[in-house]
PDB file of all heavy atoms in Angstrom:
ATOM      1  N   CYS A   1      11.810  -6.920  29.769  1.00  0.00           N
ATOM      2  CA  CYS A   1      12.749  -7.441  28.785  1.00  0.00           C
ATOM      3  C   CYS A   1      12.034  -7.485  27.439  1.00  0.00           C
ATOM      4  O   CYS A   1      10.975  -8.087  27.317  1.00  0.00           O
ATOM      5  CB  CYS A   1      13.199  -8.840  29.203  1.00  0.00           C
ATOM      6  SG  CYS A   1      14.355  -9.576  28.054  1.00  0.00           S
ATOM      7  N   GLY A   2      12.538  -6.806  26.450  1.00  0.00           N
ATOM      8  CA  GLY A   2      11.899  -6.775  25.141  1.00  0.00           C
ATOM      9  C   GLY A   2      11.556  -5.345  24.744  1.00  0.00           C
ATOM     10  O   GLY A   2      11.982  -4.380  25.369  1.00  0.00           O
ATOM     11  N   TYR A   3      10.771  -5.218  23.703  1.00  0.00           N
ATOM     12  CA  TYR A   3      10.471  -3.917  23.109  1.00  0.00           C
ATOM     13  C   TYR A   3       9.031  -3.507  23.425  1.00  0.00           C
ATOM     14  O   TYR A   3       8.177  -3.444  22.552  1.00  0.00           O
ATOM     15  CB  TYR A   3      10.718  -3.979  21.594  1.00  0.00           C
ATOM     16  CG  TYR A   3      12.097  -4.478  21.272  1.00  0.00           C
ATOM     17  CD1 TYR A   3      12.294  -5.715  20.681  1.00  0.00           C
ATOM     18  CD2 TYR A   3      13.210  -3.704  21.569  1.00  0.00           C
ATOM     19  CE1 TYR A   3      13.578  -6.167  20.390  1.00  0.00           C
ATOM     20  CE2 TYR A   3      14.494  -4.142  21.285  1.00  0.00           C
ATOM     21  CZ  TYR A   3      14.662  -5.382  20.703  1.00  0.00           C
ATOM     22  OH  TYR A   3      15.927  -5.823  20.417  1.00  0.00           O
ATOM     23  N   PHE A   4       8.786  -3.226  24.681  1.00  0.00           N
ATOM     24  CA  PHE A   4       7.446  -2.876  25.148  1.00  0.00           C
ATOM     25  C   PHE A   4       7.278  -1.362  25.221  1.00  0.00           C
ATOM     26  O   PHE A   4       8.163  -0.643  25.666  1.00  0.00           O
ATOM     27  CB  PHE A   4       7.181  -3.475  26.526  1.00  0.00           C
ATOM     28  CG  PHE A   4       7.034  -4.965  26.504  1.00  0.00           C
ATOM     29  CD1 PHE A   4       8.144  -5.790  26.639  1.00  0.00           C
ATOM     30  CD2 PHE A   4       5.778  -5.541  26.354  1.00  0.00           C
ATOM     31  CE1 PHE A   4       8.004  -7.172  26.615  1.00  0.00           C
ATOM     32  CE2 PHE A   4       5.635  -6.923  26.340  1.00  0.00           C
ATOM     33  CZ  PHE A   4       6.759  -7.731  26.468  1.00  0.00           C
ATOM     34  N   TYR A   5       6.108  -0.899  24.773  1.00  0.00           N
ATOM     35  CA  TYR A   5       5.754   0.516  24.855  1.00  0.00           C
ATOM     36  C   TYR A   5       4.357   0.584  25.444  1.00  0.00           C
ATOM     37  O   TYR A   5       3.465  -0.172  25.040  1.00  0.00           O
ATOM     38  CB  TYR A   5       5.779   1.161  23.460  1.00  0.00           C
ATOM     39  CG  TYR A   5       5.833   2.660  23.500  1.00  0.00           C
ATOM     40  CD1 TYR A   5       7.041   3.333  23.608  1.00  0.00           C
ATOM     41  CD2 TYR A   5       4.674   3.416  23.431  1.00  0.00           C
ATOM     42  CE1 TYR A   5       7.105   4.719  23.654  1.00  0.00           C
ATOM     43  CE2 TYR A   5       4.715   4.807  23.469  1.00  0.00           C
ATOM     44  CZ  TYR A   5       5.931   5.440  23.591  1.00  0.00           C
ATOM     45  OH  TYR A   5       5.989   6.815  23.631  1.00  0.00           O
ATOM     46  N   LEU A   6       4.183   1.470  26.397  1.00  0.00           N
ATOM     47  CA  LEU A   6       2.875   1.598  27.043  1.00  0.00           C
ATOM     48  C   LEU A   6       1.808   2.019  26.035  1.00  0.00           C
ATOM     49  O   LEU A   6       2.060   2.876  25.179  1.00  0.00           O
ATOM     50  CB  LEU A   6       2.932   2.629  28.164  1.00  0.00           C
ATOM     51  CG  LEU A   6       3.747   2.260  29.391  1.00  0.00           C
ATOM     52  CD1 LEU A   6       3.824   3.445  30.351  1.00  0.00           C
ATOM     53  CD2 LEU A   6       3.140   1.054  30.095  1.00  0.00           C
ATOM     54  N   PRO A   7       0.603   1.445  26.122  1.00  0.00           N
ATOM     55  CA  PRO A   7      -0.491   1.943  25.282  1.00  0.00           C
ATOM     56  C   PRO A   7      -0.642   3.442  25.516  1.00  0.00           C
ATOM     57  O   PRO A   7      -0.675   3.914  26.648  1.00  0.00           O
ATOM     58  CB  PRO A   7      -1.701   1.164  25.795  1.00  0.00           C
ATOM     59  CG  PRO A   7      -1.110  -0.096  26.361  1.00  0.00           C
ATOM     60  CD  PRO A   7       0.198   0.334  26.963  1.00  0.00           C
ATOM     61  N   THR A   8      -0.704   4.184  24.413  1.00  0.00           N
ATOM     62  CA  THR A   8      -0.617   5.639  24.468  1.00  0.00           C
ATOM     63  C   THR A   8      -1.793   6.286  23.754  1.00  0.00           C
ATOM     64  O   THR A   8      -2.190   5.843  22.671  1.00  0.00           O
ATOM     65  CB  THR A   8       0.712   6.090  23.814  1.00  0.00           C
ATOM     66  OG1 THR A   8       1.789   5.507  24.563  1.00  0.00           O
ATOM     67  CG2 THR A   8       0.857   7.585  23.788  1.00  0.00           C
ATOM     68  N   VAL A   9      -2.332   7.312  24.349  1.00  0.00           N
ATOM     69  CA  VAL A   9      -3.388   8.111  23.732  1.00  0.00           C
ATOM     70  C   VAL A   9      -2.904   9.555  23.668  1.00  0.00           C
ATOM     71  O   VAL A   9      -2.493  10.136  24.679  1.00  0.00           O
ATOM     72  CB  VAL A   9      -4.711   8.027  24.530  1.00  0.00           C
ATOM     73  CG1 VAL A   9      -5.770   8.944  23.922  1.00  0.00           C
ATOM     74  CG2 VAL A   9      -5.215   6.586  24.577  1.00  0.00           C
ATOM     75  N   LEU A  10      -2.954  10.113  22.456  1.00  0.00           N
ATOM     76  CA  LEU A  10      -2.576  11.510  22.214  1.00  0.00           C
ATOM     77  C   LEU A  10      -3.784  12.276  21.720  1.00  0.00           C
ATOM     78  O   LEU A  10      -4.460  11.836  20.786  1.00  0.00           O
ATOM     79  CB  LEU A  10      -1.470  11.590  21.151  1.00  0.00           C
ATOM     80  CG  LEU A  10      -0.155  10.900  21.474  1.00  0.00           C
ATOM     81  CD1 LEU A  10       0.731  10.845  20.237  1.00  0.00           C
ATOM     82  CD2 LEU A  10       0.551  11.618  22.610  1.00  0.00           C
ATOM     83  N   MET A  11      -4.064  13.407  22.347  1.00  0.00           N
ATOM     84  CA  MET A  11      -5.176  14.263  21.926  1.00  0.00           C
ATOM     85  C   MET A  11      -4.627  15.442  21.134  1.00  0.00           C
ATOM     86  O   MET A  11      -3.451  15.797  21.268  1.00  0.00           O
ATOM     87  CB  MET A  11      -5.927  14.798  23.152  1.00  0.00           C
ATOM     88  CG  MET A  11      -6.447  13.740  24.072  1.00  0.00           C
ATOM     89  SD  MET A  11      -8.140  13.242  23.802  1.00  0.00           S
ATOM     90  CE  MET A  11      -9.031  14.726  23.682  1.00  0.00           C
ATOM     91  N   ASN A  12      -5.498  16.045  20.354  1.00  0.00           N
ATOM     92  CA  ASN A  12      -5.178  17.258  19.580  1.00  0.00           C
ATOM     93  C   ASN A  12      -4.072  17.029  18.563  1.00  0.00           C
ATOM     94  O   ASN A  12      -3.233  17.904  18.356  1.00  0.00           O
ATOM     95  CB  ASN A  12      -4.805  18.416  20.511  1.00  0.00           C
ATOM     96  CG  ASN A  12      -5.964  18.827  21.398  1.00  0.00           C
ATOM     97  OD1 ASN A  12      -7.094  18.431  21.182  1.00  0.00           O
ATOM     98  ND2 ASN A  12      -5.680  19.621  22.403  1.00  0.00           N
ATOM     99  N   ILE A  13      -4.074  15.874  17.907  1.00  0.00           N
ATOM    100  CA  ILE A  13      -3.085  15.687  16.854  1.00  0.00           C
ATOM    101  C   ILE A  13      -3.533  16.479  15.621  1.00  0.00           C
ATOM    102  O   ILE A  13      -4.716  16.780  15.454  1.00  0.00           O
ATOM    103  CB  ILE A  13      -2.870  14.195  16.514  1.00  0.00           C
ATOM    104  CG1 ILE A  13      -4.145  13.571  15.951  1.00  0.00           C
ATOM    105  CG2 ILE A  13      -2.357  13.425  17.719  1.00  0.00           C
ATOM    106  CD1 ILE A  13      -3.899  12.258  15.265  1.00  0.00           C
ATOM    107  N   ASP A  14      -2.566  16.816  14.784  1.00  0.00           N
ATOM    108  CA  ASP A  14      -2.902  17.545  13.560  1.00  0.00           C
ATOM    109  C   ASP A  14      -2.057  17.020  12.407  1.00  0.00           C
ATOM    110  O   ASP A  14      -1.188  16.170  12.571  1.00  0.00           O
ATOM    111  CB  ASP A  14      -2.746  19.060  13.758  1.00  0.00           C
ATOM    112  CG  ASP A  14      -1.324  19.489  14.033  1.00  0.00           C
ATOM    113  OD1 ASP A  14      -0.387  18.996  13.368  1.00  0.00           O
ATOM    114  OD2 ASP A  14      -1.127  20.346  14.910  1.00  0.00           O
ATOM    115  N   ASP A  15      -2.318  17.559  11.224  1.00  0.00           N
ATOM    116  CA  ASP A  15      -1.694  17.058   9.996  1.00  0.00           C
ATOM    117  C   ASP A  15      -0.198  17.308   9.901  1.00  0.00           C
ATOM    118  O   ASP A  15       0.451  16.760   9.017  1.00  0.00           O
ATOM    119  CB  ASP A  15      -2.399  17.663   8.780  1.00  0.00           C
ATOM    120  CG  ASP A  15      -3.861  17.244   8.689  1.00  0.00           C
ATOM    121  OD1 ASP A  15      -4.223  16.234   9.320  1.00  0.00           O
ATOM    122  OD2 ASP A  15      -4.632  17.927   8.003  1.00  0.00           O
ATOM    123  N   SER A  16       0.370  18.107  10.782  1.00  0.00           N
ATOM    124  CA  SER A  16       1.811  18.362  10.738  1.00  0.00           C
ATOM    125  C   SER A  16       2.607  17.246  11.428  1.00  0.00           C
ATOM    126  O   SER A  16       3.827  17.194  11.303  1.00  0.00           O
ATOM    127  CB  SER A  16       2.141  19.695  11.413  1.00  0.00           C
ATOM    128  OG  SER A  16       1.981  19.593  12.829  1.00  0.00           O
ATOM    129  N   MET A  17       1.944  16.356  12.116  1.00  0.00           N
ATOM    130  CA  MET A  17       2.620  15.352  12.949  1.00  0.00           C
ATOM    131  C   MET A  17       2.853  14.057  12.189  1.00  0.00           C
ATOM    132  O   MET A  17       2.036  13.636  11.370  1.00  0.00           O
ATOM    133  CB  MET A  17       1.777  15.089  14.200  1.00  0.00           C
ATOM    134  CG  MET A  17       1.588  16.327  15.044  1.00  0.00           C
ATOM    135  SD  MET A  17       0.407  16.063  16.369  1.00  0.00           S
ATOM    136  CE  MET A  17       0.277  17.717  17.034  1.00  0.00           C
ATOM    137  N   LEU A  18       3.970  13.410  12.471  1.00  0.00           N
ATOM    138  CA  LEU A  18       4.313  12.141  11.826  1.00  0.00           C
ATOM    139  C   LEU A  18       3.225  11.095  12.007  1.00  0.00           C
ATOM    140  O   LEU A  18       2.968  10.299  11.096  1.00  0.00           O
ATOM    141  CB  LEU A  18       5.634  11.596  12.389  1.00  0.00           C
ATOM    142  CG  LEU A  18       6.902  12.365  12.042  1.00  0.00           C
ATOM    143  CD1 LEU A  18       8.098  11.784  12.796  1.00  0.00           C
ATOM    144  CD2 LEU A  18       7.151  12.334  10.544  1.00  0.00           C
ATOM    145  N   ILE A  19       2.582  11.102  13.147  1.00  0.00           N
ATOM    146  CA  ILE A  19       1.567  10.089  13.442  1.00  0.00           C
ATOM    147  C   ILE A  19       0.395  10.160  12.462  1.00  0.00           C
ATOM    148  O   ILE A  19      -0.309   9.179  12.265  1.00  0.00           O
ATOM    149  CB  ILE A  19       1.090  10.186  14.906  1.00  0.00           C
ATOM    150  CG1 ILE A  19       0.324   8.938  15.308  1.00  0.00           C
ATOM    151  CG2 ILE A  19       0.279  11.436  15.154  1.00  0.00           C
ATOM    152  CD1 ILE A  19       0.076   8.790  16.760  1.00  0.00           C
ATOM    153  N   THR A  20       0.196  11.304  11.825  1.00  0.00           N
ATOM    154  CA  THR A  20      -0.880  11.422  10.839  1.00  0.00           C
ATOM    155  C   THR A  20      -0.406  11.160   9.419  1.00  0.00           C
ATOM    156  O   THR A  20      -1.226  11.054   8.505  1.00  0.00           O
ATOM    157  CB  THR A  20      -1.528  12.825  10.882  1.00  0.00           C
ATOM    158  OG1 THR A  20      -0.563  13.793  10.520  1.00  0.00           O
ATOM    159  CG2 THR A  20      -2.111  13.122  12.246  1.00  0.00           C
ATOM    160  N   ARG A  21       0.898  11.047   9.221  1.00  0.00           N
ATOM    161  CA  ARG A  21       1.446  10.893   7.866  1.00  0.00           C
ATOM    162  C   ARG A  21       2.193   9.587   7.640  1.00  0.00           C
ATOM    163  O   ARG A  21       2.556   9.286   6.512  1.00  0.00           O
ATOM    164  CB  ARG A  21       2.376  12.062   7.559  1.00  0.00           C
ATOM    165  CG  ARG A  21       1.697  13.412   7.597  1.00  0.00           C
ATOM    166  CD  ARG A  21       2.543  14.526   7.028  1.00  0.00           C
ATOM    167  NE  ARG A  21       3.944  14.430   7.318  1.00  0.00           N
ATOM    168  CZ  ARG A  21       4.577  15.028   8.332  1.00  0.00           C
ATOM    169  NH1 ARG A  21       3.896  15.761   9.160  1.00  0.00           N
ATOM    170  NH2 ARG A  21       5.876  14.897   8.492  1.00  0.00           N
ATOM    171  N   GLU A  22       2.467   8.826   8.690  1.00  0.00           N
ATOM    172  CA  GLU A  22       3.187   7.562   8.571  1.00  0.00           C
ATOM    173  C   GLU A  22       2.449   6.485   9.355  1.00  0.00           C
ATOM    174  O   GLU A  22       1.707   6.789  10.284  1.00  0.00           O
ATOM    175  CB  GLU A  22       4.614   7.696   9.138  1.00  0.00           C
ATOM    176  CG  GLU A  22       5.492   8.658   8.390  1.00  0.00           C
ATOM    177  CD  GLU A  22       6.898   8.756   8.985  1.00  0.00           C
ATOM    178  OE1 GLU A  22       7.211   8.003   9.945  1.00  0.00           O
ATOM    179  OE2 GLU A  22       7.675   9.576   8.493  1.00  0.00           O
ATOM    180  N   GLU A  23       2.679   5.241   8.986  1.00  0.00           N
ATOM    181  CA  GLU A  23       2.104   4.128   9.722  1.00  0.00           C
ATOM    182  C   GLU A  23       2.968   3.867  10.954  1.00  0.00           C
ATOM    183  O   GLU A  23       4.133   3.531  10.841  1.00  0.00           O
ATOM    184  CB  GLU A  23       2.051   2.883   8.845  1.00  0.00           C
ATOM    185  CG  GLU A  23       1.089   3.033   7.672  1.00  0.00           C
ATOM    186  CD  GLU A  23       1.085   1.842   6.746  1.00  0.00           C
ATOM    187  OE1 GLU A  23       2.142   1.504   6.216  1.00  0.00           O
ATOM    188  OE2 GLU A  23       0.000   1.263   6.552  1.00  0.00           O
ATOM    189  N   THR A  24       2.381   4.037  12.127  1.00  0.00           N
ATOM    190  CA  THR A  24       3.132   3.904  13.370  1.00  0.00           C
ATOM    191  C   THR A  24       3.379   2.440  13.723  1.00  0.00           C
ATOM    192  O   THR A  24       4.451   2.082  14.168  1.00  0.00           O
ATOM    193  CB  THR A  24       2.380   4.592  14.526  1.00  0.00           C
ATOM    194  OG1 THR A  24       2.165   5.956  14.168  1.00  0.00           O
ATOM    195  CG2 THR A  24       3.162   4.532  15.815  1.00  0.00           C
ATOM    196  N   PHE A  25       2.422   1.575  13.530  1.00  0.00           N
ATOM    197  CA  PHE A  25       2.497   0.158  13.886  1.00  0.00           C
ATOM    198  C   PHE A  25       2.930  -0.029  15.337  1.00  0.00           C
ATOM    199  O   PHE A  25       3.852  -0.777  15.647  1.00  0.00           O
ATOM    200  CB  PHE A  25       3.412  -0.627  12.946  1.00  0.00           C
ATOM    201  CG  PHE A  25       2.815  -0.841  11.582  1.00  0.00           C
ATOM    202  CD1 PHE A  25       3.413  -0.280  10.472  1.00  0.00           C
ATOM    203  CD2 PHE A  25       1.662  -1.579  11.433  1.00  0.00           C
ATOM    204  CE1 PHE A  25       2.863  -0.470   9.213  1.00  0.00           C
ATOM    205  CE2 PHE A  25       1.097  -1.768  10.178  1.00  0.00           C
ATOM    206  CZ  PHE A  25       1.703  -1.212   9.063  1.00  0.00           C
ATOM    207  N   GLY A  26       2.254   0.674  16.218  1.00  0.00           N
ATOM    208  CA  GLY A  26       2.523   0.564  17.636  1.00  0.00           C
ATOM    209  C   GLY A  26       1.274   0.924  18.423  1.00  0.00           C
ATOM    210  O   GLY A  26       0.272   1.379  17.852  1.00  0.00           O
ATOM    211  N   PRO A  27       1.324   0.784  19.730  1.00  0.00           N
ATOM    212  CA  PRO A  27       0.140   0.992  20.570  1.00  0.00           C
ATOM    213  C   PRO A  27      -0.130   2.471  20.854  1.00  0.00           C
ATOM    214  O   PRO A  27      -0.099   2.918  21.993  1.00  0.00           O
ATOM    215  CB  PRO A  27       0.498   0.223  21.847  1.00  0.00           C
ATOM    216  CG  PRO A  27       1.983   0.368  21.938  1.00  0.00           C
ATOM    217  CD  PRO A  27       2.471   0.316  20.514  1.00  0.00           C
ATOM    218  N   VAL A  28      -0.366   3.232  19.782  1.00  0.00           N
ATOM    219  CA  VAL A  28      -0.593   4.674  19.915  1.00  0.00           C
ATOM    220  C   VAL A  28      -1.882   5.040  19.184  1.00  0.00           C
ATOM    221  O   VAL A  28      -2.039   4.717  18.002  1.00  0.00           O
ATOM    222  CB  VAL A  28       0.580   5.492  19.329  1.00  0.00           C
ATOM    223  CG1 VAL A  28       0.328   6.982  19.514  1.00  0.00           C
ATOM    224  CG2 VAL A  28       1.895   5.071  19.947  1.00  0.00           C
ATOM    225  N   ALA A  29      -2.784   5.696  19.883  1.00  0.00           N
ATOM    226  CA  ALA A  29      -4.013   6.212  19.277  1.00  0.00           C
ATOM    227  C   ALA A  29      -3.941   7.726  19.296  1.00  0.00           C
ATOM    228  O   ALA A  29      -3.794   8.335  20.361  1.00  0.00           O
ATOM    229  CB  ALA A  29      -5.232   5.733  20.043  1.00  0.00           C
ATOM    230  N   GLY A  30      -4.014   8.315  18.122  1.00  0.00           N
ATOM    231  CA  GLY A  30      -4.044   9.764  18.009  1.00  0.00           C
ATOM    232  C   GLY A  30      -5.472  10.220  17.799  1.00  0.00           C
ATOM    233  O   GLY A  30      -6.175   9.695  16.940  1.00  0.00           O
ATOM    234  N   ILE A  31      -5.907  11.187  18.579  1.00  0.00           N
ATOM    235  CA  ILE A  31      -7.298  11.656  18.513  1.00  0.00           C
ATOM    236  C   ILE A  31      -7.316  13.103  18.050  1.00  0.00           C
ATOM    237  O   ILE A  31      -6.559  13.941  18.546  1.00  0.00           O
ATOM    238  CB  ILE A  31      -7.984  11.518  19.885  1.00  0.00           C
ATOM    239  CG1 ILE A  31      -7.993  10.042  20.285  1.00  0.00           C
ATOM    240  CG2 ILE A  31      -9.389  12.103  19.855  1.00  0.00           C
ATOM    241  CD1 ILE A  31      -8.513   9.788  21.676  1.00  0.00           C
ATOM    242  N   THR A  32      -8.179  13.366  17.084  1.00  0.00           N
ATOM    243  CA  THR A  32      -8.341  14.719  16.572  1.00  0.00           C
ATOM    244  C   THR A  32      -9.828  15.025  16.448  1.00  0.00           C
ATOM    245  O   THR A  32     -10.641  14.109  16.280  1.00  0.00           O
ATOM    246  CB  THR A  32      -7.637  14.888  15.216  1.00  0.00           C
ATOM    247  OG1 THR A  32      -7.681  16.249  14.813  1.00  0.00           O
ATOM    248  CG2 THR A  32      -8.270  14.033  14.132  1.00  0.00           C
ATOM    249  N   ALA A  33     -10.168  16.275  16.535  1.00  0.00           N
ATOM    250  CA  ALA A  33     -11.567  16.686  16.390  1.00  0.00           C
ATOM    251  C   ALA A  33     -11.881  16.920  14.917  1.00  0.00           C
ATOM    252  O   ALA A  33     -10.991  17.213  14.116  1.00  0.00           O
ATOM    253  CB  ALA A  33     -11.809  17.967  17.186  1.00  0.00           C
ATOM    254  N   PHE A  34     -13.141  16.798  14.577  1.00  0.00           N
ATOM    255  CA  PHE A  34     -13.582  17.098  13.222  1.00  0.00           C
ATOM    256  C   PHE A  34     -14.973  17.708  13.287  1.00  0.00           C
ATOM    257  O   PHE A  34     -15.724  17.450  14.225  1.00  0.00           O
ATOM    258  CB  PHE A  34     -13.545  15.858  12.332  1.00  0.00           C
ATOM    259  CG  PHE A  34     -14.352  14.698  12.852  1.00  0.00           C
ATOM    260  CD1 PHE A  34     -15.678  14.537  12.496  1.00  0.00           C
ATOM    261  CD2 PHE A  34     -13.774  13.764  13.692  1.00  0.00           C
ATOM    262  CE1 PHE A  34     -16.421  13.468  12.972  1.00  0.00           C
ATOM    263  CE2 PHE A  34     -14.506  12.685  14.170  1.00  0.00           C
ATOM    264  CZ  PHE A  34     -15.838  12.546  13.803  1.00  0.00           C
ATOM    265  N   ALA A  35     -15.284  18.522  12.281  1.00  0.00           N
ATOM    266  CA  ALA A  35     -16.556  19.236  12.289  1.00  0.00           C
ATOM    267  C   ALA A  35     -17.716  18.393  11.791  1.00  0.00           C
ATOM    268  O   ALA A  35     -18.830  18.490  12.294  1.00  0.00           O
ATOM    269  CB  ALA A  35     -16.443  20.507  11.446  1.00  0.00           C
ATOM    270  N   ASP A  36     -17.454  17.557  10.780  1.00  0.00           N
ATOM    271  CA  ASP A  36     -18.531  16.765  10.200  1.00  0.00           C
ATOM    272  C   ASP A  36     -17.960  15.536   9.495  1.00  0.00           C
ATOM    273  O   ASP A  36     -16.749  15.354   9.410  1.00  0.00           O
ATOM    274  CB  ASP A  36     -19.383  17.601   9.241  1.00  0.00           C
ATOM    275  CG  ASP A  36     -18.569  18.236   8.123  1.00  0.00           C
ATOM    276  OD1 ASP A  36     -17.552  17.660   7.682  1.00  0.00           O
ATOM    277  OD2 ASP A  36     -18.943  19.334   7.675  1.00  0.00           O
ATOM    278  N   GLU A  37     -18.848  14.711   8.995  1.00  0.00           N
ATOM    279  CA  GLU A  37     -18.457  13.461   8.346  1.00  0.00           C
ATOM    280  C   GLU A  37     -17.572  13.708   7.126  1.00  0.00           C
ATOM    281  O   GLU A  37     -16.612  12.976   6.890  1.00  0.00           O
ATOM    282  CB  GLU A  37     -19.728  12.711   7.946  1.00  0.00           C
ATOM    283  CG  GLU A  37     -19.511  11.296   7.522  1.00  0.00           C
ATOM    284  CD  GLU A  37     -20.835  10.578   7.290  1.00  0.00           C
ATOM    285  OE1 GLU A  37     -21.607  10.390   8.253  1.00  0.00           O
ATOM    286  OE2 GLU A  37     -21.070  10.191   6.132  1.00  0.00           O
ATOM    287  N   GLU A  38     -17.866  14.717   6.347  1.00  0.00           N
ATOM    288  CA  GLU A  38     -17.062  15.018   5.156  1.00  0.00           C
ATOM    289  C   GLU A  38     -15.611  15.319   5.530  1.00  0.00           C
ATOM    290  O   GLU A  38     -14.676  14.869   4.861  1.00  0.00           O
ATOM    291  CB  GLU A  38     -17.660  16.205   4.387  1.00  0.00           C
ATOM    292  CG  GLU A  38     -18.955  15.885   3.682  1.00  0.00           C
ATOM    293  CD  GLU A  38     -18.832  14.738   2.687  1.00  0.00           C
ATOM    294  OE1 GLU A  38     -17.862  14.731   1.891  1.00  0.00           O
ATOM    295  OE2 GLU A  38     -19.693  13.853   2.701  1.00  0.00           O
ATOM    296  N   GLU A  39     -15.417  16.067   6.604  1.00  0.00           N
ATOM    297  CA  GLU A  39     -14.060  16.406   7.031  1.00  0.00           C
ATOM    298  C   GLU A  39     -13.288  15.174   7.486  1.00  0.00           C
ATOM    299  O   GLU A  39     -12.120  15.004   7.145  1.00  0.00           O
ATOM    300  CB  GLU A  39     -14.075  17.452   8.151  1.00  0.00           C
ATOM    301  CG  GLU A  39     -12.683  17.857   8.592  1.00  0.00           C
ATOM    302  CD  GLU A  39     -12.673  18.832   9.761  1.00  0.00           C
ATOM    303  OE1 GLU A  39     -13.751  19.307  10.190  1.00  0.00           O
ATOM    304  OE2 GLU A  39     -11.566  19.105  10.265  1.00  0.00           O
ATOM    305  N   VAL A  40     -13.935  14.299   8.233  1.00  0.00           N
ATOM    306  CA  VAL A  40     -13.228  13.123   8.729  1.00  0.00           C
ATOM    307  C   VAL A  40     -12.885  12.168   7.582  1.00  0.00           C
ATOM    308  O   VAL A  40     -11.811  11.570   7.563  1.00  0.00           O
ATOM    309  CB  VAL A  40     -14.005  12.408   9.855  1.00  0.00           C
ATOM    310  CG1 VAL A  40     -15.136  11.544   9.356  1.00  0.00           C
ATOM    311  CG2 VAL A  40     -13.065  11.572  10.699  1.00  0.00           C
ATOM    312  N   ILE A  41     -13.738  12.045   6.596  1.00  0.00           N
ATOM    313  CA  ILE A  41     -13.444  11.210   5.435  1.00  0.00           C
ATOM    314  C   ILE A  41     -12.262  11.791   4.662  1.00  0.00           C
ATOM    315  O   ILE A  41     -11.335  11.071   4.275  1.00  0.00           O
ATOM    316  CB  ILE A  41     -14.691  11.062   4.522  1.00  0.00           C
ATOM    317  CG1 ILE A  41     -15.744  10.212   5.231  1.00  0.00           C
ATOM    318  CG2 ILE A  41     -14.318  10.463   3.172  1.00  0.00           C
ATOM    319  CD1 ILE A  41     -17.101  10.228   4.564  1.00  0.00           C
ATOM    320  N   ALA A  42     -12.278  13.101   4.449  1.00  0.00           N
ATOM    321  CA  ALA A  42     -11.168  13.746   3.730  1.00  0.00           C
ATOM    322  C   ALA A  42      -9.854  13.573   4.487  1.00  0.00           C
ATOM    323  O   ALA A  42      -8.821  13.261   3.878  1.00  0.00           O
ATOM    324  CB  ALA A  42     -11.477  15.232   3.523  1.00  0.00           C
ATOM    325  N   LYS A  43      -9.867  13.749   5.803  1.00  0.00           N
ATOM    326  CA  LYS A  43      -8.640  13.581   6.601  1.00  0.00           C
ATOM    327  C   LYS A  43      -8.141  12.147   6.556  1.00  0.00           C
ATOM    328  O   LYS A  43      -6.958  11.897   6.399  1.00  0.00           O
ATOM    329  CB  LYS A  43      -8.878  13.994   8.060  1.00  0.00           C
ATOM    330  CG  LYS A  43      -8.823  15.471   8.301  1.00  0.00           C
ATOM    331  CD  LYS A  43      -8.925  15.763   9.792  1.00  0.00           C
ATOM    332  CE  LYS A  43      -8.737  17.238  10.044  1.00  0.00           C
ATOM    333  NZ  LYS A  43      -8.488  17.533  11.447  1.00  0.00           N
TER     334      LYS A  43
END
C-alpha cells in the first residue's frame, strides 16, 4: 500500500537517457563507465 519502488541498479547508462539529464528522486542508481577522472568530472 503506497508508492513503493524496488531499489534499482541500471548499468551502461549514457547521456541520451532521462536518468542522466533529470533528477529522478527515487531509489535508482545508474552506473556508467569512464576512462579517467577528467571524464567523470565533465560528465
